[in-house]
PDB file of all heavy atoms in Angstrom:
ATOM      1  N   ILE A   1      55.959  44.387   3.650  1.00  0.00           N
ATOM      2  CA  ILE A   1      56.030  43.981   2.282  1.00  0.00           C
ATOM      3  C   ILE A   1      56.864  44.954   1.409  1.00  0.00           C
ATOM      4  O   ILE A   1      57.762  44.504   0.670  1.00  0.00           O
ATOM      5  CB  ILE A   1      54.575  43.803   1.715  1.00  0.00           C
ATOM      6  CG1 ILE A   1      53.828  42.722   2.391  1.00  0.00           C
ATOM      7  CG2 ILE A   1      54.596  43.640   0.159  1.00  0.00           C
ATOM      8  CD1 ILE A   1      52.330  42.616   1.959  1.00  0.00           C
ATOM      9  N   THR A   2      56.645  46.237   1.591  1.00  0.00           N
ATOM     10  CA  THR A   2      57.409  47.181   0.806  1.00  0.00           C
ATOM     11  C   THR A   2      58.858  47.186   1.295  1.00  0.00           C
ATOM     12  O   THR A   2      59.729  47.333   0.431  1.00  0.00           O
ATOM     13  CB  THR A   2      56.775  48.608   1.004  1.00  0.00           C
ATOM     14  OG1 THR A   2      55.383  48.580   0.760  1.00  0.00           O
ATOM     15  CG2 THR A   2      57.432  49.635   0.124  1.00  0.00           C
ATOM     16  N   LEU A   3      59.074  47.092   2.476  1.00  0.00           N
ATOM     17  CA  LEU A   3      60.449  47.137   3.007  1.00  0.00           C
ATOM     18  C   LEU A   3      61.267  45.885   2.533  1.00  0.00           C
ATOM     19  O   LEU A   3      62.377  45.983   2.131  1.00  0.00           O
ATOM     20  CB  LEU A   3      60.400  47.120   4.551  1.00  0.00           C
ATOM     21  CG  LEU A   3      61.726  47.459   5.320  1.00  0.00           C
ATOM     22  CD1 LEU A   3      62.365  48.740   4.728  1.00  0.00           C
ATOM     23  CD2 LEU A   3      61.456  47.606   6.803  1.00  0.00           C
ATOM     24  N   ASN A   4      60.651  44.799   2.498  1.00  0.00           N
ATOM     25  CA  ASN A   4      61.389  43.548   2.027  1.00  0.00           C
ATOM     26  C   ASN A   4      61.821  43.673   0.572  1.00  0.00           C
ATOM     27  O   ASN A   4      62.860  43.196   0.146  1.00  0.00           O
ATOM     28  CB  ASN A   4      60.458  42.271   2.205  1.00  0.00           C
ATOM     29  CG  ASN A   4      60.363  41.857   3.591  1.00  0.00           C
ATOM     30  OD1 ASN A   4      61.159  42.134   4.452  1.00  0.00           O
ATOM     31  ND2 ASN A   4      59.220  41.172   3.911  1.00  0.00           N
ATOM     32  N   LEU A   5      60.882  44.263  -0.270  1.00  0.00           N
ATOM     33  CA  LEU A   5      61.246  44.533  -1.614  1.00  0.00           C
ATOM     34  C   LEU A   5      62.315  45.526  -1.740  1.00  0.00           C
ATOM     35  O   LEU A   5      63.206  45.383  -2.608  1.00  0.00           O
ATOM     36  CB  LEU A   5      60.000  44.882  -2.398  1.00  0.00           C
ATOM     37  CG  LEU A   5      58.883  43.923  -2.580  1.00  0.00           C
ATOM     38  CD1 LEU A   5      57.594  44.509  -3.219  1.00  0.00           C
ATOM     39  CD2 LEU A   5      59.287  42.680  -3.439  1.00  0.00           C
ATOM     40  N   ALA A   6      62.221  46.557  -0.968  1.00  0.00           N
ATOM     41  CA  ALA A   6      63.188  47.620  -0.990  1.00  0.00           C
ATOM     42  C   ALA A   6      64.575  47.183  -0.641  1.00  0.00           C
ATOM     43  O   ALA A   6      65.562  47.560  -1.190  1.00  0.00           O
ATOM     44  CB  ALA A   6      62.792  48.843  -0.143  1.00  0.00           C
ATOM     45  N   LEU A   7      64.677  46.268   0.385  1.00  0.00           N
ATOM     46  CA  LEU A   7      65.965  45.789   0.869  1.00  0.00           C
ATOM     47  C   LEU A   7      66.709  45.071  -0.203  1.00  0.00           C
ATOM     48  O   LEU A   7      67.868  45.130  -0.314  1.00  0.00           O
ATOM     49  CB  LEU A   7      65.761  45.010   2.137  1.00  0.00           C
ATOM     50  CG  LEU A   7      65.255  45.624   3.401  1.00  0.00           C
ATOM     51  CD1 LEU A   7      65.096  44.688   4.519  1.00  0.00           C
ATOM     52  CD2 LEU A   7      66.320  46.737   3.836  1.00  0.00           C
ATOM     53  N   ARG A   8      65.925  44.301  -0.967  1.00  0.00           N
ATOM     54  CA  ARG A   8      66.657  43.453  -2.049  1.00  0.00           C
ATOM     55  C   ARG A   8      67.245  44.449  -3.149  1.00  0.00           C
ATOM     56  O   ARG A   8      68.335  44.273  -3.548  1.00  0.00           O
ATOM     57  CB  ARG A   8      65.556  42.664  -2.766  1.00  0.00           C
ATOM     58  CG  ARG A   8      65.056  41.481  -1.907  1.00  0.00           C
ATOM     59  CD  ARG A   8      63.932  40.799  -2.552  1.00  0.00           C
ATOM     60  NE  ARG A   8      63.106  39.993  -1.618  1.00  0.00           N
ATOM     61  CZ  ARG A   8      61.955  39.460  -1.839  1.00  0.00           C
ATOM     62  NH1 ARG A   8      61.372  39.735  -3.040  1.00  0.00           N
ATOM     63  NH2 ARG A   8      61.306  38.714  -0.956  1.00  0.00           N
ATOM     64  N   LYS A   9      66.528  45.556  -3.448  1.00  0.00           N
ATOM     65  CA  LYS A   9      67.051  46.524  -4.369  1.00  0.00           C
ATOM     66  C   LYS A   9      68.217  47.237  -3.794  1.00  0.00           C
ATOM     67  O   LYS A   9      69.210  47.490  -4.487  1.00  0.00           O
ATOM     68  CB  LYS A   9      65.970  47.433  -4.794  1.00  0.00           C
ATOM     69  CG  LYS A   9      64.813  46.833  -5.538  1.00  0.00           C
ATOM     70  CD  LYS A   9      63.734  47.781  -5.839  1.00  0.00           C
ATOM     71  CE  LYS A   9      62.409  47.159  -6.567  1.00  0.00           C
ATOM     72  NZ  LYS A   9      61.431  48.175  -6.844  1.00  0.00           N
ATOM     73  N   LEU A  10      68.138  47.665  -2.540  1.00  0.00           N
ATOM     74  CA  LEU A  10      69.163  48.461  -1.893  1.00  0.00           C
ATOM     75  C   LEU A  10      70.452  47.678  -1.775  1.00  0.00           C
ATOM     76  O   LEU A  10      71.551  48.198  -1.859  1.00  0.00           O
ATOM     77  CB  LEU A  10      68.708  48.921  -0.587  1.00  0.00           C
ATOM     78  CG  LEU A  10      67.601  50.065  -0.544  1.00  0.00           C
ATOM     79  CD1 LEU A  10      67.042  50.253   0.870  1.00  0.00           C
ATOM     80  CD2 LEU A  10      68.110  51.318  -1.101  1.00  0.00           C
ATOM     81  N   GLU A  11      70.358  46.341  -1.520  1.00  0.00           N
ATOM     82  CA  GLU A  11      71.512  45.544  -1.397  1.00  0.00           C
ATOM     83  C   GLU A  11      72.403  45.594  -2.614  1.00  0.00           C
ATOM     84  O   GLU A  11      73.630  45.515  -2.550  1.00  0.00           O
ATOM     85  CB  GLU A  11      71.158  44.051  -1.052  1.00  0.00           C
ATOM     86  CG  GLU A  11      70.616  43.827   0.350  1.00  0.00           C
ATOM     87  CD  GLU A  11      71.817  43.712   1.346  1.00  0.00           C
ATOM     88  OE1 GLU A  11      72.972  44.051   0.949  1.00  0.00           O
ATOM     89  OE2 GLU A  11      71.544  43.338   2.526  1.00  0.00           O
ATOM     90  N   GLN A  12      71.696  45.662  -3.750  1.00  0.00           N
ATOM     91  CA  GLN A  12      72.490  45.752  -5.078  1.00  0.00           C
ATOM     92  C   GLN A  12      73.055  47.093  -5.303  1.00  0.00           C
ATOM     93  O   GLN A  12      74.035  47.171  -6.047  1.00  0.00           O
ATOM     94  CB  GLN A  12      71.491  45.437  -6.243  1.00  0.00           C
ATOM     95  CG  GLN A  12      70.830  44.056  -6.090  1.00  0.00           C
ATOM     96  CD  GLN A  12      71.627  42.873  -6.103  1.00  0.00           C
ATOM     97  OE1 GLN A  12      72.722  42.858  -6.855  1.00  0.00           O
ATOM     98  NE2 GLN A  12      71.456  41.940  -5.176  1.00  0.00           N
ATOM     99  N   MET A  13      72.556  48.086  -4.574  1.00  0.00           N
ATOM    100  CA  MET A  13      73.085  49.444  -4.835  1.00  0.00           C
ATOM    101  C   MET A  13      74.140  49.970  -3.883  1.00  0.00           C
ATOM    102  O   MET A  13      74.882  50.866  -4.076  1.00  0.00           O
ATOM    103  CB  MET A  13      71.866  50.410  -4.805  1.00  0.00           C
ATOM    104  CG  MET A  13      70.765  50.064  -5.794  1.00  0.00           C
ATOM    105  SD  MET A  13      69.311  51.085  -5.568  1.00  0.00           S
ATOM    106  CE  MET A  13      69.837  52.669  -6.154  1.00  0.00           C
ATOM    107  N   LEU A  14      74.145  49.297  -2.662  1.00  0.00           N
ATOM    108  CA  LEU A  14      75.119  49.694  -1.662  1.00  0.00           C
ATOM    109  C   LEU A  14      76.568  49.321  -2.039  1.00  0.00           C
ATOM    110  O   LEU A  14      76.851  48.267  -2.790  1.00  0.00           O
ATOM    111  CB  LEU A  14      74.869  48.972  -0.356  1.00  0.00           C
ATOM    112  CG  LEU A  14      73.584  49.442   0.420  1.00  0.00           C
ATOM    113  CD1 LEU A  14      73.203  48.549   1.594  1.00  0.00           C
ATOM    114  CD2 LEU A  14      73.829  50.845   0.951  1.00  0.00           C
ATOM    115  N   PRO A  15      77.471  50.220  -1.803  1.00  0.00           N
ATOM    116  CA  PRO A  15      78.930  49.963  -2.081  1.00  0.00           C
ATOM    117  C   PRO A  15      79.398  48.689  -1.405  1.00  0.00           C
ATOM    118  O   PRO A  15      79.058  48.451  -0.250  1.00  0.00           O
ATOM    119  CB  PRO A  15      79.666  51.211  -1.681  1.00  0.00           C
ATOM    120  CG  PRO A  15      78.814  51.794  -0.630  1.00  0.00           C
ATOM    121  CD  PRO A  15      77.378  51.482  -1.067  1.00  0.00           C
ATOM    122  N   LYS A  16      80.185  47.841  -2.126  1.00  0.00           N
ATOM    123  CA  LYS A  16      80.673  46.599  -1.490  1.00  0.00           C
ATOM    124  C   LYS A  16      81.754  47.021  -0.463  1.00  0.00           C
ATOM    125  O   LYS A  16      82.443  48.028  -0.652  1.00  0.00           O
ATOM    126  CB  LYS A  16      81.330  45.658  -2.590  1.00  0.00           C
ATOM    127  CG  LYS A  16      80.383  45.335  -3.623  1.00  0.00           C
ATOM    128  CD  LYS A  16      79.052  44.606  -3.083  1.00  0.00           C
ATOM    129  CE  LYS A  16      78.161  44.262  -4.228  1.00  0.00           C
ATOM    130  NZ  LYS A  16      76.917  43.668  -3.632  1.00  0.00           N
ATOM    131  N   PRO A  17      81.911  46.175   0.608  1.00  0.00           N
ATOM    132  CA  PRO A  17      83.005  46.518   1.580  1.00  0.00           C
ATOM    133  C   PRO A  17      84.307  46.602   1.003  1.00  0.00           C
ATOM    134  O   PRO A  17      84.746  45.815   0.186  1.00  0.00           O
ATOM    135  CB  PRO A  17      82.946  45.221   2.527  1.00  0.00           C
ATOM    136  CG  PRO A  17      81.511  44.663   2.373  1.00  0.00           C
ATOM    137  CD  PRO A  17      81.171  44.954   0.957  1.00  0.00           C
ATOM    138  N   GLY A  18      84.999  47.709   1.284  1.00  0.00           N
ATOM    139  CA  GLY A  18      86.294  48.038   0.784  1.00  0.00           C
ATOM    140  C   GLY A  18      86.280  48.751  -0.640  1.00  0.00           C
ATOM    141  O   GLY A  18      87.340  49.249  -0.929  1.00  0.00           O
ATOM    142  N   ALA A  19      85.120  48.914  -1.242  1.00  0.00           N
ATOM    143  CA  ALA A  19      85.040  49.655  -2.449  1.00  0.00           C
ATOM    144  C   ALA A  19      84.950  51.184  -2.110  1.00  0.00           C
ATOM    145  O   ALA A  19      84.406  51.608  -1.136  1.00  0.00           O
ATOM    146  CB  ALA A  19      83.782  49.295  -3.198  1.00  0.00           C
ATOM    147  N   ALA A  20      85.587  52.005  -3.001  1.00  0.00           N
ATOM    148  CA  ALA A  20      85.520  53.406  -2.848  1.00  0.00           C
ATOM    149  C   ALA A  20      84.083  53.879  -3.113  1.00  0.00           C
ATOM    150  O   ALA A  20      83.462  53.530  -4.023  1.00  0.00           O
ATOM    151  CB  ALA A  20      86.452  54.104  -3.892  1.00  0.00           C
ATOM    152  N   PRO A  21      83.520  54.809  -2.173  1.00  0.00           N
ATOM    153  CA  PRO A  21      82.205  55.271  -2.409  1.00  0.00           C
ATOM    154  C   PRO A  21      82.058  56.144  -3.583  1.00  0.00           C
ATOM    155  O   PRO A  21      83.037  56.887  -3.859  1.00  0.00           O
ATOM    156  CB  PRO A  21      81.929  56.101  -1.066  1.00  0.00           C
ATOM    157  CG  PRO A  21      83.271  56.393  -0.562  1.00  0.00           C
ATOM    158  CD  PRO A  21      84.179  55.313  -1.010  1.00  0.00           C
ATOM    159  N   ALA A  22      80.935  56.064  -4.239  1.00  0.00           N
ATOM    160  CA  ALA A  22      80.614  56.851  -5.393  1.00  0.00           C
ATOM    161  C   ALA A  22      80.395  58.278  -4.960  1.00  0.00           C
ATOM    162  O   ALA A  22      79.829  58.508  -3.875  1.00  0.00           O
ATOM    163  CB  ALA A  22      79.437  56.269  -6.186  1.00  0.00           C
ATOM    164  N   ALA A  23      80.799  59.218  -5.756  1.00  0.00           N
ATOM    165  CA  ALA A  23      80.576  60.627  -5.432  1.00  0.00           C
ATOM    166  C   ALA A  23      79.087  60.879  -5.458  1.00  0.00           C
ATOM    167  O   ALA A  23      78.337  60.577  -6.348  1.00  0.00           O
ATOM    168  CB  ALA A  23      81.235  61.473  -6.481  1.00  0.00           C
ATOM    169  N   ALA A  24      78.609  61.586  -4.428  1.00  0.00           N
ATOM    170  CA  ALA A  24      77.189  61.868  -4.266  1.00  0.00           C
ATOM    171  C   ALA A  24      76.817  63.059  -5.187  1.00  0.00           C
ATOM    172  O   ALA A  24      77.572  64.062  -5.273  1.00  0.00           O
ATOM    173  CB  ALA A  24      76.942  62.274  -2.860  1.00  0.00           C
ATOM    174  N   PRO A  25      75.687  62.887  -5.903  1.00  0.00           N
ATOM    175  CA  PRO A  25      75.238  64.002  -6.843  1.00  0.00           C
ATOM    176  C   PRO A  25      74.853  65.141  -5.953  1.00  0.00           C
ATOM    177  O   PRO A  25      74.388  65.096  -4.796  1.00  0.00           O
ATOM    178  CB  PRO A  25      74.028  63.465  -7.499  1.00  0.00           C
ATOM    179  CG  PRO A  25      73.590  62.384  -6.667  1.00  0.00           C
ATOM    180  CD  PRO A  25      74.746  61.763  -5.907  1.00  0.00           C
ATOM    181  N   VAL A  26      74.944  66.444  -6.512  1.00  0.00           N
ATOM    182  CA  VAL A  26      74.494  67.631  -5.806  1.00  0.00           C
ATOM    183  C   VAL A  26      72.966  67.704  -5.965  1.00  0.00           C
ATOM    184  O   VAL A  26      72.521  67.864  -7.046  1.00  0.00           O
ATOM    185  CB  VAL A  26      75.214  68.850  -6.450  1.00  0.00           C
ATOM    186  CG1 VAL A  26      74.727  70.118  -5.725  1.00  0.00           C
ATOM    187  CG2 VAL A  26      76.656  68.730  -6.282  1.00  0.00           C
ATOM    188  N   ALA A  27      72.342  67.533  -4.857  1.00  0.00           N
ATOM    189  CA  ALA A  27      70.822  67.631  -4.851  1.00  0.00           C
ATOM    190  C   ALA A  27      70.275  68.879  -5.263  1.00  0.00           C
ATOM    191  O   ALA A  27      70.781  69.985  -4.837  1.00  0.00           O
ATOM    192  CB  ALA A  27      70.253  67.218  -3.495  1.00  0.00           C
ATOM    193  N   GLY A  28      69.313  68.927  -6.113  1.00  0.00           N
ATOM    194  CA  GLY A  28      68.648  70.143  -6.524  1.00  0.00           C
ATOM    195  C   GLY A  28      69.395  71.020  -7.491  1.00  0.00           C
ATOM    196  O   GLY A  28      68.908  72.063  -7.732  1.00  0.00           O
ATOM    197  N   GLY A  29      70.566  70.587  -7.963  1.00  0.00           N
ATOM    198  CA  GLY A  29      71.326  71.413  -8.767  1.00  0.00           C
ATOM    199  C   GLY A  29      70.666  71.761 -10.177  1.00  0.00           C
ATOM    200  O   GLY A  29      70.908  72.819 -10.692  1.00  0.00           O
ATOM    201  N   ALA A  30      69.785  70.801 -10.612  1.00  0.00           N
ATOM    202  CA  ALA A  30      69.173  71.025 -11.965  1.00  0.00           C
ATOM    203  C   ALA A  30      67.893  71.801 -11.878  1.00  0.00           C
ATOM    204  O   ALA A  30      67.258  72.064 -12.864  1.00  0.00           O
ATOM    205  CB  ALA A  30      68.943  69.691 -12.664  1.00  0.00           C
ATOM    206  N   HIS A  31      67.580  72.261 -10.656  1.00  0.00           N
ATOM    207  CA  HIS A  31      66.231  72.891 -10.464  1.00  0.00           C
ATOM    208  C   HIS A  31      66.379  74.440 -10.396  1.00  0.00           C
ATOM    209  O   HIS A  31      67.308  74.865  -9.752  1.00  0.00           O
ATOM    210  CB  HIS A  31      65.529  72.417  -9.206  1.00  0.00           C
ATOM    211  CG  HIS A  31      65.241  70.924  -9.235  1.00  0.00           C
ATOM    212  ND1 HIS A  31      64.485  70.333 -10.193  1.00  0.00           N
ATOM    213  CD2 HIS A  31      65.652  69.904  -8.418  1.00  0.00           C
ATOM    214  CE1 HIS A  31      64.388  69.056  -9.949  1.00  0.00           C
ATOM    215  NE2 HIS A  31      65.162  68.741  -8.897  1.00  0.00           N
ATOM    216  N   ASP A  32      65.547  75.140 -10.992  1.00  0.00           N
ATOM    217  CA  ASP A  32      65.481  76.557 -10.923  1.00  0.00           C
ATOM    218  C   ASP A  32      64.599  76.967  -9.704  1.00  0.00           C
ATOM    219  O   ASP A  32      64.638  78.157  -9.209  1.00  0.00           O
ATOM    220  CB  ASP A  32      64.913  77.183 -12.205  1.00  0.00           C
ATOM    221  CG  ASP A  32      65.807  77.068 -13.368  1.00  0.00           C
ATOM    222  OD1 ASP A  32      67.121  77.036 -13.098  1.00  0.00           O
ATOM    223  OD2 ASP A  32      65.404  76.890 -14.525  1.00  0.00           O
ATOM    224  N   GLY A  33      63.850  76.064  -9.175  1.00  0.00           N
ATOM    225  CA  GLY A  33      63.020  76.297  -8.115  1.00  0.00           C
ATOM    226  C   GLY A  33      61.657  75.525  -8.282  1.00  0.00           C
ATOM    227  O   GLY A  33      61.316  74.986  -9.318  1.00  0.00           O
ATOM    228  N   MET A  34      60.866  75.517  -7.154  1.00  0.00           N
ATOM    229  CA  MET A  34      59.611  74.772  -7.197  1.00  0.00           C
ATOM    230  C   MET A  34      58.478  75.692  -7.028  1.00  0.00           C
ATOM    231  O   MET A  34      58.456  76.542  -6.138  1.00  0.00           O
ATOM    232  CB  MET A  34      59.618  73.748  -6.118  1.00  0.00           C
ATOM    233  CG  MET A  34      58.312  72.957  -6.029  1.00  0.00           C
ATOM    234  SD  MET A  34      58.422  71.746  -4.629  1.00  0.00           S
ATOM    235  CE  MET A  34      56.719  71.086  -4.716  1.00  0.00           C
ATOM    236  N   PRO A  35      57.461  75.718  -7.929  1.00  0.00           N
ATOM    237  CA  PRO A  35      56.369  76.649  -7.788  1.00  0.00           C
ATOM    238  C   PRO A  35      55.333  76.178  -6.760  1.00  0.00           C
ATOM    239  O   PRO A  35      55.065  75.015  -6.669  1.00  0.00           O
ATOM    240  CB  PRO A  35      55.717  76.625  -9.232  1.00  0.00           C
ATOM    241  CG  PRO A  35      56.055  75.300  -9.777  1.00  0.00           C
ATOM    242  CD  PRO A  35      57.368  74.907  -9.189  1.00  0.00           C
ATOM    243  N   LEU A  36      54.737  77.138  -6.002  1.00  0.00           N
ATOM    244  CA  LEU A  36      53.774  76.870  -5.055  1.00  0.00           C
ATOM    245  C   LEU A  36      52.773  78.009  -5.118  1.00  0.00           C
ATOM    246  O   LEU A  36      53.111  79.107  -5.525  1.00  0.00           O
ATOM    247  CB  LEU A  36      54.351  76.721  -3.632  1.00  0.00           C
ATOM    248  CG  LEU A  36      55.140  75.533  -3.262  1.00  0.00           C
ATOM    249  CD1 LEU A  36      55.647  75.683  -1.794  1.00  0.00           C
ATOM    250  CD2 LEU A  36      54.501  74.293  -3.439  1.00  0.00           C
ATOM    251  N   ARG A  37      51.522  77.723  -4.673  1.00  0.00           N
ATOM    252  CA  ARG A  37      50.491  78.812  -4.635  1.00  0.00           C
ATOM    253  C   ARG A  37      50.483  79.323  -3.241  1.00  0.00           C
ATOM    254  O   ARG A  37      50.801  78.669  -2.223  1.00  0.00           O
ATOM    255  CB  ARG A  37      49.137  78.286  -5.056  1.00  0.00           C
ATOM    256  CG  ARG A  37      48.615  77.183  -4.071  1.00  0.00           C
ATOM    257  CD  ARG A  37      47.281  76.745  -4.608  1.00  0.00           C
ATOM    258  NE  ARG A  37      46.802  75.649  -3.805  1.00  0.00           N
ATOM    259  CZ  ARG A  37      46.190  75.668  -2.594  1.00  0.00           C
ATOM    260  NH1 ARG A  37      45.803  76.949  -2.074  1.00  0.00           N
ATOM    261  NH2 ARG A  37      45.771  74.654  -1.876  1.00  0.00           N
ATOM    262  N   ILE A  38      50.094  80.604  -3.058  1.00  0.00           N
ATOM    263  CA  ILE A  38      49.905  81.185  -1.730  1.00  0.00           C
ATOM    264  C   ILE A  38      48.569  80.866  -1.152  1.00  0.00           C
ATOM    265  O   ILE A  38      47.464  80.914  -1.928  1.00  0.00           O
ATOM    266  CB  ILE A  38      50.083  82.743  -1.921  1.00  0.00           C
ATOM    267  CG1 ILE A  38      51.600  83.085  -2.170  1.00  0.00           C
ATOM    268  CG2 ILE A  38      49.689  83.366  -0.551  1.00  0.00           C
ATOM    269  CD1 ILE A  38      52.477  82.802  -1.077  1.00  0.00           C
ATOM    270  N   ALA A  39      48.522  80.423   0.096  1.00  0.00           N
ATOM    271  CA  ALA A  39      47.265  80.157   0.775  1.00  0.00           C
ATOM    272  C   ALA A  39      47.344  80.881   2.087  1.00  0.00           C
ATOM    273  O   ALA A  39      48.395  81.049   2.694  1.00  0.00           O
ATOM    274  CB  ALA A  39      47.111  78.681   0.856  1.00  0.00           C
ATOM    275  N   HIS A  40      46.136  81.245   2.615  1.00  0.00           N
ATOM    276  CA  HIS A  40      45.948  81.830   4.006  1.00  0.00           C
ATOM    277  C   HIS A  40      45.514  80.759   4.850  1.00  0.00           C
ATOM    278  O   HIS A  40      44.649  79.939   4.481  1.00  0.00           O
ATOM    279  CB  HIS A  40      45.025  83.025   3.910  1.00  0.00           C
ATOM    280  CG  HIS A  40      45.550  84.112   3.107  1.00  0.00           C
ATOM    281  ND1 HIS A  40      44.730  85.201   2.684  1.00  0.00           N
ATOM    282  CD2 HIS A  40      46.772  84.522   2.790  1.00  0.00           C
ATOM    283  CE1 HIS A  40      45.433  86.136   2.084  1.00  0.00           C
ATOM    284  NE2 HIS A  40      46.731  85.726   2.122  1.00  0.00           N
ATOM    285  N   LEU A  41      46.035  80.774   6.092  1.00  0.00           N
ATOM    286  CA  LEU A  41      45.606  79.750   7.131  1.00  0.00           C
ATOM    287  C   LEU A  41      44.136  80.063   7.500  1.00  0.00           C
ATOM    288  O   LEU A  41      43.850  81.210   7.922  1.00  0.00           O
ATOM    289  CB  LEU A  41      46.547  79.802   8.346  1.00  0.00           C
ATOM    290  CG  LEU A  41      46.474  78.710   9.360  1.00  0.00           C
ATOM    291  CD1 LEU A  41      46.926  77.443   8.701  1.00  0.00           C
ATOM    292  CD2 LEU A  41      47.345  78.939  10.482  1.00  0.00           C
ATOM    293  N   GLN A  42      43.295  79.056   7.442  1.00  0.00           N
ATOM    294  CA  GLN A  42      41.950  79.228   7.822  1.00  0.00           C
ATOM    295  C   GLN A  42      41.862  79.402   9.338  1.00  0.00           C
ATOM    296  O   GLN A  42      42.631  78.684  10.175  1.00  0.00           O
ATOM    297  CB  GLN A  42      41.060  78.019   7.381  1.00  0.00           C
ATOM    298  CG  GLN A  42      40.934  77.931   5.911  1.00  0.00           C
ATOM    299  CD  GLN A  42      40.326  79.108   5.219  1.00  0.00           C
ATOM    300  OE1 GLN A  42      39.317  79.668   5.754  1.00  0.00           O
ATOM    301  NE2 GLN A  42      40.961  79.541   4.154  1.00  0.00           N
ATOM    302  N   GLN A  43      41.045  80.257   9.869  1.00  0.00           N
ATOM    303  CA  GLN A  43      40.870  80.485  11.326  1.00  0.00           C
ATOM    304  C   GLN A  43      40.601  79.201  12.072  1.00  0.00           C
ATOM    305  O   GLN A  43      39.757  78.469  11.695  1.00  0.00           O
ATOM    306  CB  GLN A  43      39.851  81.540  11.549  1.00  0.00           C
ATOM    307  CG  GLN A  43      39.906  82.015  13.016  1.00  0.00           C
ATOM    308  CD  GLN A  43      38.849  83.142  13.241  1.00  0.00           C
ATOM    309  OE1 GLN A  43      38.114  83.501  12.313  1.00  0.00           O
ATOM    310  NE2 GLN A  43      38.882  83.779  14.428  1.00  0.00           N
TER     311      GLN A  43
END
């Protein structure tokens, strides 16, 4: 069900045959980092 809905949306977003591909954004460029807490592995 989820895949069928996703395919319809993706079809609209994929570059058409022969069209120049859009420049890919640089992932994570706007992030200063992701905070996490420290945890110890339980025995």
